[in-house]
Amino acid sequence: MPKSQVSRQKSKINKTMKRFMLLATVVAMSFVLAMPMQAQTRKEKKQAQKEQWEREQRQKAEEDALRHQMRMDSLKNAQAEQAAATAKAKADQAKRDAEAEIIRQQQLVAEMPCQSYDDADWFYATGVKRFKPNQINLTPTTLLRSTRQQLLQKLQGKYQQVIDDYFDQMETEDGEYARQHIESAGRQVINQLINETYEVCRKQTQLADAEGYYTMYMAIKVSKKEVIEKTIDKISDDQEMKTRFNEKKFRDSAFKVFEEENKKEYEEYKQQ
């Protein structure tokens, strides 16, 4: 092959190789430039997916919170309705109980004249005695004596509770002497008040029973305030005791015990 032809052939090959190299370089550069763009696109896609998931989670949480609030509101409404129904039922029952109690007390008065119960101001005692017609003159005195004894026992028991409550609150070096003095003062006052009390109610049946007996009813009372105040005065007569005696605590103990016993007696009466 002539040299000129070989030279032209080589020149042609070189040009082809240059074009190929240029094309390869362009392709390579395009690939290199495209990679960051693809990476950026994937990152944005992941970010978008994350944001979408977070929005869905927030929406779900809000829906759950709304459903929970609706359930709580419904529960509160149901509880309020139940409470109102219970309160109404209790009020209705209390009204029925009060009406029944009025009827019961009316029946009791009809069956048991002069029947009285302790209240905020008074201690009461009710006595009953059957008697023959020839005992009519002695029966009131006999019945008053037995009713006084009944009230005396009641007051002595309550006064002992007052003393116990008072000394539970006090710390005294001469506790035994103080207790004996206060007990003695109370006994004297109570005995005096009992001996001075007279009937506040007295009734008797108009017809004799099958055995020929009549029945007499009697009620007496003693002031609670008088018991307390006169006992305090009696205790304070002793100058040594007066300096150690806590009048306020004694009065508080007395009213506390009297009130508690009054409630207890009333509950026992209601259960009869």
C-alpha atoms as a PDB file:
ATOM      1  CA  MET A   1       0.000   0.000   0.000  1.00  0.00           C
ATOM      2  CA  PRO A   2       1.427   3.412  -0.964  1.00  0.00           C
ATOM      3  CA  LYS A   3       2.647   5.568   1.942  1.00  0.00           C
ATOM      4  CA  SER A   4       0.252   8.387   1.125  1.00  0.00           C
ATOM      5  CA  GLN A   5      -2.655   6.027   1.420  1.00  0.00           C
ATOM      6  CA  VAL A   6      -1.405   4.661   4.720  1.00  0.00           C
ATOM      7  CA  SER A   7      -0.965   8.171   5.995  1.00  0.00           C
ATOM      8  CA  ARG A   8      -4.501   9.092   5.045  1.00  0.00           C
ATOM      9  CA  GLN A   9      -5.801   5.934   6.677  1.00  0.00           C
ATOM     10  CA  LYS A  10      -4.006   6.730   9.940  1.00  0.00           C
ATOM     11  CA  SER A  11      -5.259  10.280   9.847  1.00  0.00           C
ATOM     12  CA  LYS A  12      -8.786   9.000   9.434  1.00  0.00           C
ATOM     13  CA  ILE A  13      -8.400   6.574  12.344  1.00  0.00           C
ATOM     14  CA  ASN A  14      -6.985   9.315  14.558  1.00  0.00           C
ATOM     15  CA  LYS A  15      -9.931  11.563  13.809  1.00  0.00           C
ATOM     16  CA  THR A  16     -12.315   8.705  14.605  1.00  0.00           C
ATOM     17  CA  MET A  17     -10.527   8.032  17.917  1.00  0.00           C
ATOM     18  CA  LYS A  18     -10.673  11.717  18.826  1.00  0.00           C
ATOM     19  CA  ARG A  19     -14.404  11.825  18.150  1.00  0.00           C
ATOM     20  CA  PHE A  20     -14.892   8.683  20.253  1.00  0.00           C
ATOM     21  CA  MET A  21     -12.820  10.112  23.092  1.00  0.00           C
ATOM     22  CA  LEU A  22     -14.733  13.407  22.908  1.00  0.00           C
ATOM     23  CA  LEU A  23     -18.052  11.528  22.982  1.00  0.00           C
ATOM     24  CA  ALA A  24     -16.894   9.390  25.918  1.00  0.00           C
ATOM     25  CA  THR A  25     -15.824  12.512  27.768  1.00  0.00           C
ATOM     26  CA  VAL A  26     -19.214  14.181  27.161  1.00  0.00           C
ATOM     27  CA  VAL A  27     -21.068  11.040  28.309  1.00  0.00           C
ATOM     28  CA  ALA A  28     -18.899  10.795  31.393  1.00  0.00           C
ATOM     29  CA  MET A  29     -19.411  14.435  32.237  1.00  0.00           C
ATOM     30  CA  SER A  30     -23.179  14.097  31.779  1.00  0.00           C
ATOM     31  CA  PHE A  31     -23.238  11.107  34.134  1.00  0.00           C
ATOM     32  CA  VAL A  32     -21.167  12.944  36.736  1.00  0.00           C
ATOM     33  CA  LEU A  33     -23.409  15.994  36.528  1.00  0.00           C
ATOM     34  CA  ALA A  34     -26.597  13.873  36.718  1.00  0.00           C
ATOM     35  CA  MET A  35     -25.597  12.008  39.904  1.00  0.00           C
ATOM     36  CA  PRO A  36     -25.994  14.987  42.349  1.00  0.00           C
ATOM     37  CA  MET A  37     -29.324  15.848  40.757  1.00  0.00           C
ATOM     38  CA  GLN A  38     -30.596  12.275  41.242  1.00  0.00           C
ATOM     39  CA  ALA A  39     -29.311  12.256  44.821  1.00  0.00           C
ATOM     40  CA  GLN A  40     -31.025  15.581  45.477  1.00  0.00           C
ATOM     41  CA  THR A  41     -34.260  14.215  44.018  1.00  0.00           C
ATOM     42  CA  ARG A  42     -34.164  11.115  46.305  1.00  0.00           C
ATOM     43  CA  LYS A  43     -33.482  13.284  49.374  1.00  0.00           C
ATOM     44  CA  GLU A  44     -36.382  15.574  48.560  1.00  0.00           C
ATOM     45  CA  LYS A  45     -38.619  12.580  48.027  1.00  0.00           C
ATOM     46  CA  LYS A  46     -37.664  11.098  51.402  1.00  0.00           C
ATOM     47  CA  GLN A  47     -38.206  14.473  53.070  1.00  0.00           C
ATOM     48  CA  ALA A  48     -41.605  14.765  51.443  1.00  0.00           C
ATOM     49  CA  GLN A  49     -42.499  11.244  52.564  1.00  0.00           C
ATOM     50  CA  LYS A  50     -41.370  12.054  56.110  1.00  0.00           C
ATOM     51  CA  GLU A  51     -43.407  15.240  56.177  1.00  0.00           C
ATOM     52  CA  GLN A  52     -46.447  13.386  54.843  1.00  0.00           C
ATOM     53  CA  TRP A  53     -46.045  10.699  57.542  1.00  0.00           C
ATOM     54  CA  GLU A  54     -45.720  13.356  60.246  1.00  0.00           C
ATOM     55  CA  ARG A  55     -48.852  15.109  58.973  1.00  0.00           C
ATOM     56  CA  GLU A  56     -50.741  11.813  59.045  1.00  0.00           C
ATOM     57  CA  GLN A  57     -49.513  11.102  62.578  1.00  0.00           C
ATOM     58  CA  ARG A  58     -50.555  14.551  63.774  1.00  0.00           C
ATOM     59  CA  GLN A  59     -53.958  14.163  62.182  1.00  0.00           C
ATOM     60  CA  LYS A  60     -54.362  10.719  63.746  1.00  0.00           C
ATOM     61  CA  ALA A  61     -53.346  12.080  67.156  1.00  0.00           C
ATOM     62  CA  GLU A  62     -55.833  14.937  66.829  1.00  0.00           C
ATOM     63  CA  GLU A  63     -58.596  12.514  65.834  1.00  0.00           C
ATOM     64  CA  ASP A  64     -57.721  10.224  68.758  1.00  0.00           C
ATOM     65  CA  ALA A  65     -57.746  13.200  71.151  1.00  0.00           C
ATOM     66  CA  LEU A  66     -61.109  14.336  69.785  1.00  0.00           C
ATOM     67  CA  ARG A  67     -62.598  10.845  70.154  1.00  0.00           C
ATOM     68  CA  HIS A  68     -61.212  10.625  73.717  1.00  0.00           C
ATOM     69  CA  GLN A  69     -62.690  14.021  74.595  1.00  0.00           C
ATOM     70  CA  MET A  70     -66.040  12.963  73.179  1.00  0.00           C
ATOM     71  CA  ARG A  71     -65.947   9.765  75.243  1.00  0.00           C
ATOM     72  CA  MET A  72     -65.029  11.748  78.399  1.00  0.00           C
ATOM     73  CA  ASP A  73     -67.799  14.276  77.751  1.00  0.00           C
ATOM     74  CA  SER A  74     -70.263  11.462  77.247  1.00  0.00           C
ATOM     75  CA  LEU A  75     -69.081   9.764  80.443  1.00  0.00           C
ATOM     76  CA  LYS A  76     -69.334  13.025  82.409  1.00  0.00           C
ATOM     77  CA  ASN A  77     -72.839  13.617  81.097  1.00  0.00           C
ATOM     78  CA  ALA A  78     -73.836  10.095  82.058  1.00  0.00           C
ATOM     79  CA  GLN A  79     -72.317  10.506  85.513  1.00  0.00           C
ATOM     80  CA  ALA A  80     -74.045  13.853  85.981  1.00  0.00           C
ATOM     81  CA  GLU A  81     -77.366  12.336  84.968  1.00  0.00           C
ATOM     82  CA  GLN A  82     -76.781   9.401  87.314  1.00  0.00           C
ATOM     83  CA  ALA A  83     -75.845  11.748  90.167  1.00  0.00           C
ATOM     84  CA  ALA A  84     -78.938  13.855  89.552  1.00  0.00           C
ATOM     85  CA  ALA A  85     -81.116  10.751  89.478  1.00  0.00           C
ATOM     86  CA  THR A  86     -79.516   9.455  92.690  1.00  0.00           C
ATOM     87  CA  ALA A  87     -79.935  12.826  94.410  1.00  0.00           C
ATOM     88  CA  LYS A  88     -83.586  12.966  93.356  1.00  0.00           C
ATOM     89  CA  ALA A  89     -84.160   9.414  94.566  1.00  0.00           C
ATOM     90  CA  LYS A  90     -82.551  10.270  97.924  1.00  0.00           C
ATOM     91  CA  ALA A  91     -84.595  13.449  98.210  1.00  0.00           C
ATOM     92  CA  ASP A  92     -87.784  11.562  97.399  1.00  0.00           C
ATOM     93  CA  GLN A  93     -86.876   8.859  99.909  1.00  0.00           C
ATOM     94  CA  ALA A  94     -86.052  11.464 102.555  1.00  0.00           C
ATOM     95  CA  LYS A  95     -89.411  13.094 101.961  1.00  0.00           C
ATOM     96  CA  ARG A  96     -91.185   9.746 102.278  1.00  0.00           C
ATOM     97  CA  ASP A  97     -89.195   8.963 105.443  1.00  0.00           C
ATOM     98  CA  ALA A  98     -90.081  12.360 106.930  1.00  0.00           C
ATOM     99  CA  GLU A  99     -93.767  11.853 106.167  1.00  0.00           C
ATOM    100  CA  ALA A 100     -93.637   8.348 107.616  1.00  0.00           C
ATOM    101  CA  GLU A 101     -91.838   9.689 110.698  1.00  0.00           C
ATOM    102  CA  ILE A 102     -94.548  12.289 111.250  1.00  0.00           C
ATOM    103  CA  ILE A 103     -97.206   9.609 111.043  1.00  0.00           C
ATOM    104  CA  ARG A 104     -95.192   7.363 113.340  1.00  0.00           C
ATOM    105  CA  GLN A 105     -94.718  10.105 115.916  1.00  0.00           C
ATOM    106  CA  GLN A 106     -98.409  10.897 115.804  1.00  0.00           C
ATOM    107  CA  GLN A 107     -99.198   7.240 116.384  1.00  0.00           C
ATOM    108  CA  LEU A 108     -96.624   7.098 119.173  1.00  0.00           C
ATOM    109  CA  VAL A 109     -98.145  10.126 120.919  1.00  0.00           C
ATOM    110  CA  ALA A 110    -101.534   8.513 120.666  1.00  0.00           C
ATOM    111  CA  GLU A 111    -100.189   5.243 122.097  1.00  0.00           C
ATOM    112  CA  MET A 112     -97.680   6.725 124.599  1.00  0.00           C
ATOM    113  CA  PRO A 113     -98.691  10.116 126.027  1.00  0.00           C
ATOM    114  CA  CYS A 114     -95.937  12.406 127.393  1.00  0.00           C
ATOM    115  CA  GLN A 115     -93.241  10.536 125.456  1.00  0.00           C
ATOM    116  CA  SER A 116     -90.317  12.981 125.047  1.00  0.00           C
ATOM    117  CA  TYR A 117     -86.783  12.754 123.673  1.00  0.00           C
ATOM    118  CA  ASP A 118     -83.668  14.789 124.417  1.00  0.00           C
ATOM    119  CA  ASP A 119     -83.180  17.819 122.206  1.00  0.00           C
ATOM    120  CA  ALA A 120     -80.552  20.552 121.933  1.00  0.00           C
ATOM    121  CA  ASP A 121     -81.639  22.228 125.191  1.00  0.00           C
ATOM    122  CA  TRP A 122     -83.190  19.614 127.461  1.00  0.00           C
ATOM    123  CA  PHE A 123     -82.727  16.161 128.953  1.00  0.00           C
ATOM    124  CA  TYR A 124     -86.021  14.293 129.231  1.00  0.00           C
ATOM    125  CA  ALA A 125     -87.290  11.235 131.039  1.00  0.00           C
ATOM    126  CA  THR A 126     -90.699   9.611 130.637  1.00  0.00           C
ATOM    127  CA  GLY A 127     -92.250   7.384 133.283  1.00  0.00           C
ATOM    128  CA  VAL A 128     -95.207   4.997 133.171  1.00  0.00           C
ATOM    129  CA  LYS A 129     -97.085   3.395 136.059  1.00  0.00           C
ATOM    130  CA  ARG A 130    -100.172   1.208 136.322  1.00  0.00           C
ATOM    131  CA  PHE A 131    -102.375   1.699 139.368  1.00  0.00           C
ATOM    132  CA  LYS A 132    -105.628   0.707 140.986  1.00  0.00           C
ATOM    133  CA  PRO A 133    -108.315   3.341 141.508  1.00  0.00           C
ATOM    134  CA  ASN A 134    -107.586   3.433 145.231  1.00  0.00           C
ATOM    135  CA  GLN A 135    -103.954   4.427 144.488  1.00  0.00           C
ATOM    136  CA  ILE A 136    -104.826   7.535 142.511  1.00  0.00           C
ATOM    137  CA  ASN A 137    -103.552   9.956 145.166  1.00  0.00           C
ATOM    138  CA  LEU A 138    -100.171   8.235 145.707  1.00  0.00           C
ATOM    139  CA  THR A 139     -99.400   7.354 142.114  1.00  0.00           C
ATOM    140  CA  PRO A 140     -98.217  10.840 140.957  1.00  0.00           C
ATOM    141  CA  THR A 141     -95.672  11.045 143.780  1.00  0.00           C
ATOM    142  CA  THR A 142     -94.475   7.496 143.201  1.00  0.00           C
ATOM    143  CA  LEU A 143     -94.235   8.010 139.457  1.00  0.00           C
ATOM    144  CA  LEU A 144     -92.370  11.313 139.860  1.00  0.00           C
ATOM    145  CA  ARG A 145     -89.828   9.611 142.111  1.00  0.00           C
ATOM    146  CA  SER A 146     -89.183   6.761 139.678  1.00  0.00           C
ATOM    147  CA  THR A 147     -88.997   9.157 136.703  1.00  0.00           C
ATOM    148  CA  ARG A 148     -86.501  11.326 138.557  1.00  0.00           C
ATOM    149  CA  GLN A 149     -84.398   8.240 139.243  1.00  0.00           C
ATOM    150  CA  GLN A 150     -84.504   7.381 135.563  1.00  0.00           C
ATOM    151  CA  LEU A 151     -83.342  10.892 134.605  1.00  0.00           C
ATOM    152  CA  LEU A 152     -80.682  10.826 137.329  1.00  0.00           C
ATOM    153  CA  GLN A 153     -79.136   7.657 135.878  1.00  0.00           C
ATOM    154  CA  LYS A 154     -79.166   9.193 132.409  1.00  0.00           C
ATOM    155  CA  LEU A 155     -77.440  12.404 133.546  1.00  0.00           C
ATOM    156  CA  GLN A 156     -74.835  10.569 135.622  1.00  0.00           C
ATOM    157  CA  GLY A 157     -73.876   8.433 132.615  1.00  0.00           C
ATOM    158  CA  LYS A 158     -73.605  11.411 130.291  1.00  0.00           C
ATOM    159  CA  TYR A 159     -71.674  13.457 132.856  1.00  0.00           C
ATOM    160  CA  GLN A 160     -69.139  10.657 133.232  1.00  0.00           C
ATOM    161  CA  GLN A 161     -68.586  10.758 129.474  1.00  0.00           C
ATOM    162  CA  VAL A 162     -68.029  14.521 129.702  1.00  0.00           C
ATOM    163  CA  ILE A 163     -65.362  14.010 132.369  1.00  0.00           C
ATOM    164  CA  ASP A 164     -63.617  11.305 130.308  1.00  0.00           C
ATOM    165  CA  ASP A 165     -63.586  13.522 127.227  1.00  0.00           C
ATOM    166  CA  TYR A 166     -62.324  16.514 129.229  1.00  0.00           C
ATOM    167  CA  PHE A 167     -59.399  14.626 130.803  1.00  0.00           C
ATOM    168  CA  ASP A 168     -58.500  13.068 127.450  1.00  0.00           C
ATOM    169  CA  GLN A 169     -57.646  16.624 126.374  1.00  0.00           C
ATOM    170  CA  MET A 170     -55.928  17.712 129.591  1.00  0.00           C
ATOM    171  CA  GLU A 171     -52.572  16.834 131.117  1.00  0.00           C
ATOM    172  CA  THR A 172     -52.502  17.642 134.833  1.00  0.00           C
ATOM    173  CA  GLU A 173     -50.059  16.596 137.524  1.00  0.00           C
ATOM    174  CA  ASP A 174     -52.839  16.162 140.060  1.00  0.00           C
ATOM    175  CA  GLY A 175     -55.209  14.431 137.674  1.00  0.00           C
ATOM    176  CA  GLU A 176     -56.758  12.101 140.241  1.00  0.00           C
ATOM    177  CA  TYR A 177     -57.569  14.930 142.647  1.00  0.00           C
ATOM    178  CA  ALA A 178     -58.982  17.059 139.842  1.00  0.00           C
ATOM    179  CA  ARG A 179     -61.101  14.191 138.523  1.00  0.00           C
ATOM    180  CA  GLN A 180     -62.527  13.413 141.959  1.00  0.00           C
ATOM    181  CA  HIS A 181     -63.325  17.075 142.577  1.00  0.00           C
ATOM    182  CA  ILE A 182     -65.049  17.504 139.204  1.00  0.00           C
ATOM    183  CA  GLU A 183     -66.989  14.250 139.627  1.00  0.00           C
ATOM    184  CA  SER A 184     -68.135  15.304 143.088  1.00  0.00           C
ATOM    185  CA  ALA A 185     -69.203  18.757 141.891  1.00  0.00           C
ATOM    186  CA  GLY A 186     -71.175  17.254 139.047  1.00  0.00           C
ATOM    187  CA  ARG A 187     -72.954  14.733 141.276  1.00  0.00           C
ATOM    188  CA  GLN A 188     -74.036  17.477 143.674  1.00  0.00           C
ATOM    189  CA  VAL A 189     -75.357  19.686 140.890  1.00  0.00           C
ATOM    190  CA  ILE A 190     -77.189  16.850 139.144  1.00  0.00           C
ATOM    191  CA  ASN A 191     -78.803  15.638 142.377  1.00  0.00           C
ATOM    192  CA  GLN A 192     -79.938  19.168 143.166  1.00  0.00           C
ATOM    193  CA  LEU A 193     -81.428  19.709 139.700  1.00  0.00           C
ATOM    194  CA  ILE A 194     -83.179  16.334 139.738  1.00  0.00           C
ATOM    195  CA  ASN A 195     -84.740  17.037 143.146  1.00  0.00           C
ATOM    196  CA  GLU A 196     -85.952  20.415 141.913  1.00  0.00           C
ATOM    197  CA  THR A 197     -87.520  19.179 138.683  1.00  0.00           C
ATOM    198  CA  TYR A 198     -91.245  18.574 138.366  1.00  0.00           C
ATOM    199  CA  GLU A 199     -93.518  17.114 135.778  1.00  0.00           C
ATOM    200  CA  VAL A 200     -93.922  18.904 132.457  1.00  0.00           C
ATOM    201  CA  CYS A 201     -96.543  16.427 131.301  1.00  0.00           C
ATOM    202  CA  ARG A 202     -98.911  14.043 133.121  1.00  0.00           C
ATOM    203  CA  LYS A 203    -101.741  12.065 131.629  1.00  0.00           C
ATOM    204  CA  GLN A 204    -103.685   8.954 132.505  1.00  0.00           C
ATOM    205  CA  THR A 205    -106.075   6.608 130.814  1.00  0.00           C
ATOM    206  CA  GLN A 206    -109.766   7.309 131.345  1.00  0.00           C
ATOM    207  CA  LEU A 207    -110.777   3.671 131.228  1.00  0.00           C
ATOM    208  CA  ALA A 208    -109.424   0.734 133.211  1.00  0.00           C
ATOM    209  CA  ASP A 209    -107.841  -2.192 131.366  1.00  0.00           C
ATOM    210  CA  ALA A 210    -109.094  -5.757 131.550  1.00  0.00           C
ATOM    211  CA  GLU A 211    -107.411  -6.229 134.938  1.00  0.00           C
ATOM    212  CA  GLY A 212    -108.941  -3.086 136.414  1.00  0.00           C
ATOM    213  CA  TYR A 213    -105.760  -0.972 136.218  1.00  0.00           C
ATOM    214  CA  TYR A 214    -105.361   2.546 134.963  1.00  0.00           C
ATOM    215  CA  THR A 215    -102.095   3.868 133.469  1.00  0.00           C
ATOM    216  CA  MET A 216    -100.403   7.154 134.297  1.00  0.00           C
ATOM    217  CA  TYR A 217     -97.758   8.792 132.097  1.00  0.00           C
ATOM    218  CA  MET A 218     -95.331  11.505 133.159  1.00  0.00           C
ATOM    219  CA  ALA A 219     -92.430  13.465 131.667  1.00  0.00           C
ATOM    220  CA  ILE A 220     -89.802  15.613 133.372  1.00  0.00           C
ATOM    221  CA  LYS A 221     -86.876  17.596 132.019  1.00  0.00           C
ATOM    222  CA  VAL A 222     -83.599  19.266 133.057  1.00  0.00           C
ATOM    223  CA  SER A 223     -81.800  22.061 131.191  1.00  0.00           C
ATOM    224  CA  LYS A 224     -78.501  21.025 129.616  1.00  0.00           C
ATOM    225  CA  LYS A 225     -77.136  24.531 129.905  1.00  0.00           C
ATOM    226  CA  GLU A 226     -78.019  24.647 133.581  1.00  0.00           C
ATOM    227  CA  VAL A 227     -76.193  21.381 134.218  1.00  0.00           C
ATOM    228  CA  ILE A 228     -73.043  22.762 132.593  1.00  0.00           C
ATOM    229  CA  GLU A 229     -73.088  26.255 134.091  1.00  0.00           C
ATOM    230  CA  LYS A 230     -73.937  25.205 137.631  1.00  0.00           C
ATOM    231  CA  THR A 231     -71.299  22.476 137.528  1.00  0.00           C
ATOM    232  CA  ILE A 232     -68.679  24.988 136.373  1.00  0.00           C
ATOM    233  CA  ASP A 233     -69.662  27.339 139.210  1.00  0.00           C
ATOM    234  CA  LYS A 234     -69.460  24.478 141.700  1.00  0.00           C
ATOM    235  CA  ILE A 235     -66.020  23.404 140.487  1.00  0.00           C
ATOM    236  CA  SER A 236     -64.773  26.989 140.617  1.00  0.00           C
ATOM    237  CA  ASP A 237     -65.781  27.310 144.297  1.00  0.00           C
ATOM    238  CA  ASP A 238     -62.498  25.551 145.052  1.00  0.00           C
ATOM    239  CA  GLN A 239     -59.872  28.282 144.529  1.00  0.00           C
ATOM    240  CA  GLU A 240     -57.087  25.740 143.978  1.00  0.00           C
ATOM    241  CA  MET A 241     -59.119  23.955 141.311  1.00  0.00           C
ATOM    242  CA  LYS A 242     -60.214  27.232 139.762  1.00  0.00           C
ATOM    243  CA  THR A 243     -56.637  28.074 138.762  1.00  0.00           C
ATOM    244  CA  ARG A 244     -56.165  24.692 137.083  1.00  0.00           C
ATOM    245  CA  PHE A 245     -59.634  24.159 135.682  1.00  0.00           C
ATOM    246  CA  ASN A 246     -60.045  24.874 131.952  1.00  0.00           C
ATOM    247  CA  GLU A 247     -63.592  26.126 131.740  1.00  0.00           C
ATOM    248  CA  LYS A 248     -63.657  26.385 127.935  1.00  0.00           C
ATOM    249  CA  LYS A 249     -62.485  22.825 127.330  1.00  0.00           C
ATOM    250  CA  PHE A 250     -64.927  21.513 129.920  1.00  0.00           C
ATOM    251  CA  ARG A 251     -67.802  23.364 128.253  1.00  0.00           C
ATOM    252  CA  ASP A 252     -66.688  22.117 124.803  1.00  0.00           C
ATOM    253  CA  SER A 253     -66.536  18.528 126.076  1.00  0.00           C
ATOM    254  CA  ALA A 254     -69.998  18.819 127.622  1.00  0.00           C
ATOM    255  CA  PHE A 255     -71.697  20.151 124.515  1.00  0.00           C
ATOM    256  CA  LYS A 256     -69.828  17.640 122.336  1.00  0.00           C
ATOM    257  CA  VAL A 257     -70.940  14.661 124.428  1.00  0.00           C
ATOM    258  CA  PHE A 258     -74.496  15.946 124.798  1.00  0.00           C
ATOM    259  CA  GLU A 259     -74.828  16.472 121.040  1.00  0.00           C
ATOM    260  CA  GLU A 260     -73.382  13.066 120.153  1.00  0.00           C
ATOM    261  CA  GLU A 261     -75.601  11.294 122.672  1.00  0.00           C
ATOM    262  CA  ASN A 262     -78.621  13.211 121.438  1.00  0.00           C
ATOM    263  CA  LYS A 263     -77.968  12.056 117.864  1.00  0.00           C
ATOM    264  CA  LYS A 264     -77.407   8.492 119.048  1.00  0.00           C
ATOM    265  CA  GLU A 265     -80.654   8.471 121.012  1.00  0.00           C
ATOM    266  CA  TYR A 266     -82.537   9.876 118.023  1.00  0.00           C
ATOM    267  CA  GLU A 267     -81.133   7.188 115.697  1.00  0.00           C
ATOM    268  CA  GLU A 268     -82.114   4.489 118.192  1.00  0.00           C
ATOM    269  CA  TYR A 269     -85.577   6.002 118.370  1.00  0.00           C
ATOM    270  CA  LYS A 270     -85.883   5.974 114.557  1.00  0.00           C
ATOM    271  CA  GLN A 271     -84.996   2.268 114.469  1.00  0.00           C
ATOM    272  CA  GLN A 272     -87.650   1.299 117.004  1.00  0.00           C
END
